[in-house]
Amino acid sequence: MSENKITKILDVKGLNCPLPILKTKKAINEIEVGEIIEVLATDPGSVNDFQAWIESTGHELVESAEENGIFRYLIKKTK
């Protein structure tokens, strides 16, 4: 478990590409630089989607994990 303080939790379980990314983009615009959003997804494709999105946006993927089919991403807003 991360010791980073989570500012916002976004549950996108049951949604498929591109909705998890679109909803994350909207949610990350609602937090301040340096804050962390936790995203919970069930789409296995979200692993590659989030990696690509992180690289293109410059935000920081602090942590990612999968447990019982739920993918958890901690993303720090960098700009």
N, C-alpha and C. Protein backbone atom coordinates (compact mmCIF):
# COMPACT_ATOMS: atom_id res chain seq x y z
N MET A 1 0.85 -1.19 0.00
CA MET A 1 0.00 0.00 0.00
C MET A 1 0.88 1.24 0.00
N SER A 2 0.48 2.20 -0.76
CA SER A 2 1.24 3.43 -0.89
C SER A 2 0.98 4.35 0.30
N GLU A 3 1.99 5.16 0.63
CA GLU A 3 1.81 6.13 1.69
C GLU A 3 1.41 7.49 1.13
N ASN A 4 1.17 7.54 -0.17
CA ASN A 4 0.74 8.78 -0.80
C ASN A 4 -0.72 9.07 -0.42
N LYS A 5 -1.00 10.34 -0.20
CA LYS A 5 -2.36 10.75 0.17
C LYS A 5 -3.22 10.88 -1.08
N ILE A 6 -4.29 10.15 -1.10
CA ILE A 6 -5.20 10.16 -2.24
C ILE A 6 -6.21 11.28 -2.07
N THR A 7 -6.30 12.14 -3.08
CA THR A 7 -7.22 13.27 -3.04
C THR A 7 -8.60 12.89 -3.54
N LYS A 8 -8.64 12.05 -4.58
CA LYS A 8 -9.91 11.72 -5.23
C LYS A 8 -9.88 10.26 -5.64
N ILE A 9 -11.02 9.58 -5.52
CA ILE A 9 -11.15 8.19 -5.97
C ILE A 9 -12.14 8.17 -7.12
N LEU A 10 -11.72 7.52 -8.21
CA LEU A 10 -12.56 7.41 -9.39
C LEU A 10 -12.82 5.94 -9.67
N ASP A 11 -14.08 5.54 -9.61
CA ASP A 11 -14.47 4.15 -9.86
C ASP A 11 -15.01 4.05 -11.28
N VAL A 12 -14.22 3.41 -12.15
CA VAL A 12 -14.65 3.22 -13.54
C VAL A 12 -14.80 1.73 -13.85
N LYS A 13 -15.05 0.95 -12.80
CA LYS A 13 -15.24 -0.49 -12.98
C LYS A 13 -16.46 -0.73 -13.87
N GLY A 14 -16.32 -1.68 -14.78
CA GLY A 14 -17.41 -2.02 -15.69
C GLY A 14 -17.40 -1.22 -16.98
N LEU A 15 -16.55 -0.20 -17.05
CA LEU A 15 -16.46 0.62 -18.26
C LEU A 15 -15.29 0.15 -19.12
N ASN A 16 -15.45 0.24 -20.42
CA ASN A 16 -14.40 -0.17 -21.35
C ASN A 16 -13.85 1.05 -22.08
N CYS A 17 -12.69 0.87 -22.69
CA CYS A 17 -12.00 1.91 -23.44
C CYS A 17 -12.96 2.56 -24.42
N PRO A 18 -12.97 3.86 -24.51
CA PRO A 18 -12.05 4.83 -23.91
C PRO A 18 -12.58 5.49 -22.65
N LEU A 19 -13.70 5.01 -22.12
CA LEU A 19 -14.34 5.70 -20.99
C LEU A 19 -13.46 5.84 -19.74
N PRO A 20 -12.71 4.80 -19.31
CA PRO A 20 -11.87 5.02 -18.12
C PRO A 20 -10.88 6.18 -18.29
N ILE A 21 -10.28 6.29 -19.47
CA ILE A 21 -9.33 7.38 -19.72
C ILE A 21 -10.06 8.72 -19.77
N LEU A 22 -11.18 8.78 -20.46
CA LEU A 22 -11.92 10.04 -20.57
C LEU A 22 -12.37 10.52 -19.20
N LYS A 23 -12.88 9.62 -18.37
CA LYS A 23 -13.34 10.00 -17.03
C LYS A 23 -12.15 10.40 -16.14
N THR A 24 -11.00 9.74 -16.32
CA THR A 24 -9.81 10.10 -15.56
C THR A 24 -9.32 11.49 -15.96
N LYS A 25 -9.33 11.76 -17.25
CA LYS A 25 -8.91 13.08 -17.73
C LYS A 25 -9.77 14.17 -17.11
N LYS A 26 -11.08 13.95 -17.09
CA LYS A 26 -12.00 14.93 -16.50
C LYS A 26 -11.73 15.09 -15.00
N ALA A 27 -11.55 13.97 -14.30
CA ALA A 27 -11.34 14.01 -12.85
C ALA A 27 -10.01 14.65 -12.48
N ILE A 28 -8.98 14.41 -13.28
CA ILE A 28 -7.66 14.96 -12.93
C ILE A 28 -7.66 16.48 -13.11
N ASN A 29 -8.55 16.97 -13.96
CA ASN A 29 -8.67 18.43 -14.12
C ASN A 29 -9.33 19.07 -12.91
N GLU A 30 -9.94 18.27 -12.05
CA GLU A 30 -10.63 18.79 -10.87
C GLU A 30 -9.74 18.81 -9.62
N ILE A 31 -8.50 18.32 -9.74
CA ILE A 31 -7.60 18.33 -8.58
C ILE A 31 -6.42 19.26 -8.87
N GLU A 32 -5.65 19.54 -7.83
CA GLU A 32 -4.52 20.46 -7.94
C GLU A 32 -3.25 19.69 -8.30
N VAL A 33 -2.27 20.41 -8.87
CA VAL A 33 -0.97 19.83 -9.17
C VAL A 33 -0.36 19.27 -7.89
N GLY A 34 0.17 18.06 -7.97
CA GLY A 34 0.76 17.40 -6.81
C GLY A 34 -0.19 16.47 -6.09
N GLU A 35 -1.48 16.60 -6.35
CA GLU A 35 -2.46 15.73 -5.72
C GLU A 35 -2.57 14.42 -6.49
N ILE A 36 -3.12 13.41 -5.83
CA ILE A 36 -3.18 12.06 -6.39
C ILE A 36 -4.62 11.59 -6.53
N ILE A 37 -4.89 10.98 -7.68
CA ILE A 37 -6.19 10.38 -7.93
C ILE A 37 -6.00 8.86 -7.97
N GLU A 38 -6.93 8.15 -7.35
CA GLU A 38 -6.93 6.69 -7.41
C GLU A 38 -8.02 6.28 -8.39
N VAL A 39 -7.63 5.46 -9.38
CA VAL A 39 -8.58 4.98 -10.38
C VAL A 39 -8.72 3.48 -10.23
N LEU A 40 -9.96 3.00 -10.16
CA LEU A 40 -10.27 1.58 -10.07
C LEU A 40 -10.99 1.16 -11.34
N ALA A 41 -10.40 0.19 -12.06
CA ALA A 41 -10.95 -0.23 -13.34
C ALA A 41 -11.00 -1.76 -13.42
N THR A 42 -11.84 -2.27 -14.31
CA THR A 42 -11.91 -3.72 -14.53
C THR A 42 -11.52 -4.10 -15.95
N ASP A 43 -11.34 -3.13 -16.82
CA ASP A 43 -10.98 -3.39 -18.22
C ASP A 43 -9.49 -3.77 -18.30
N PRO A 44 -9.17 -5.02 -18.70
CA PRO A 44 -7.76 -5.41 -18.82
C PRO A 44 -6.98 -4.52 -19.79
N GLY A 45 -7.66 -3.94 -20.76
CA GLY A 45 -7.01 -3.04 -21.70
C GLY A 45 -6.59 -1.73 -21.07
N SER A 46 -7.10 -1.46 -19.86
CA SER A 46 -6.76 -0.20 -19.20
C SER A 46 -5.27 -0.13 -18.84
N VAL A 47 -4.61 -1.28 -18.69
CA VAL A 47 -3.18 -1.28 -18.36
C VAL A 47 -2.41 -0.53 -19.44
N ASN A 48 -2.58 -0.95 -20.68
CA ASN A 48 -1.89 -0.28 -21.79
C ASN A 48 -2.42 1.13 -22.02
N ASP A 49 -3.73 1.29 -21.86
CA ASP A 49 -4.34 2.61 -22.07
C ASP A 49 -3.76 3.64 -21.09
N PHE A 50 -3.67 3.27 -19.82
CA PHE A 50 -3.16 4.21 -18.83
C PHE A 50 -1.67 4.47 -19.03
N GLN A 51 -0.90 3.46 -19.41
CA GLN A 51 0.53 3.69 -19.68
C GLN A 51 0.70 4.70 -20.80
N ALA A 52 -0.04 4.53 -21.88
CA ALA A 52 0.04 5.45 -23.02
C ALA A 52 -0.43 6.85 -22.62
N TRP A 53 -1.51 6.92 -21.85
CA TRP A 53 -2.04 8.22 -21.44
C TRP A 53 -1.06 8.96 -20.54
N ILE A 54 -0.44 8.23 -19.61
CA ILE A 54 0.55 8.83 -18.71
C ILE A 54 1.71 9.40 -19.52
N GLU A 55 2.20 8.61 -20.48
CA GLU A 55 3.32 9.07 -21.32
C GLU A 55 2.94 10.31 -22.13
N SER A 56 1.72 10.36 -22.62
CA SER A 56 1.32 11.49 -23.47
C SER A 56 0.99 12.75 -22.67
N THR A 57 0.56 12.58 -21.41
CA THR A 57 0.16 13.75 -20.61
C THR A 57 1.27 14.25 -19.70
N GLY A 58 2.21 13.37 -19.36
CA GLY A 58 3.28 13.78 -18.45
C GLY A 58 2.93 13.65 -16.98
N HIS A 59 1.72 13.18 -16.66
CA HIS A 59 1.40 12.94 -15.26
C HIS A 59 2.21 11.75 -14.77
N GLU A 60 2.28 11.54 -13.47
CA GLU A 60 3.11 10.48 -12.90
C GLU A 60 2.25 9.31 -12.42
N LEU A 61 2.59 8.11 -12.91
CA LEU A 61 1.95 6.90 -12.40
C LEU A 61 2.71 6.49 -11.16
N VAL A 62 2.14 6.76 -10.00
CA VAL A 62 2.80 6.51 -8.72
C VAL A 62 2.80 5.02 -8.40
N GLU A 63 1.69 4.37 -8.73
CA GLU A 63 1.54 2.96 -8.39
C GLU A 63 0.46 2.35 -9.27
N SER A 64 0.66 1.09 -9.63
CA SER A 64 -0.40 0.35 -10.31
C SER A 64 -0.37 -1.08 -9.81
N ALA A 65 -1.54 -1.67 -9.69
CA ALA A 65 -1.64 -3.03 -9.18
C ALA A 65 -2.92 -3.66 -9.70
N GLU A 66 -2.97 -4.98 -9.65
CA GLU A 66 -4.18 -5.71 -10.03
C GLU A 66 -4.45 -6.75 -8.96
N GLU A 67 -5.69 -6.80 -8.52
CA GLU A 67 -6.10 -7.80 -7.53
C GLU A 67 -7.53 -8.21 -7.81
N ASN A 68 -7.73 -9.50 -7.99
CA ASN A 68 -9.06 -10.05 -8.25
C ASN A 68 -9.77 -9.37 -9.42
N GLY A 69 -9.02 -9.08 -10.47
CA GLY A 69 -9.61 -8.49 -11.67
C GLY A 69 -9.87 -7.00 -11.59
N ILE A 70 -9.43 -6.36 -10.51
CA ILE A 70 -9.59 -4.91 -10.37
C ILE A 70 -8.21 -4.27 -10.49
N PHE A 71 -8.11 -3.36 -11.44
CA PHE A 71 -6.86 -2.65 -11.68
C PHE A 71 -6.90 -1.33 -10.93
N ARG A 72 -5.84 -1.06 -10.17
CA ARG A 72 -5.78 0.14 -9.33
C ARG A 72 -4.60 0.99 -9.80
N TYR A 73 -4.87 2.25 -10.07
CA TYR A 73 -3.84 3.18 -10.52
C TYR A 73 -3.84 4.39 -9.60
N LEU A 74 -2.64 4.78 -9.17
CA LEU A 74 -2.49 6.03 -8.44
C LEU A 74 -1.75 6.97 -9.37
N ILE A 75 -2.38 8.10 -9.69
CA ILE A 75 -1.83 9.02 -10.67
C ILE A 75 -1.67 10.38 -10.01
N LYS A 76 -0.46 10.92 -10.09
CA LYS A 76 -0.18 12.24 -9.53
C LYS A 76 -0.25 13.27 -10.65
N LYS A 77 -1.03 14.32 -10.40
CA LYS A 77 -1.12 15.41 -11.38
C LYS A 77 0.16 16.21 -11.33
N THR A 78 0.79 16.40 -12.48
CA THR A 78 2.09 17.10 -12.51
C THR A 78 2.02 18.47 -13.14
N LYS A 79 0.92 18.78 -13.80
CA LYS A 79 0.82 20.10 -14.44
C LYS A 79 -0.62 20.54 -14.59
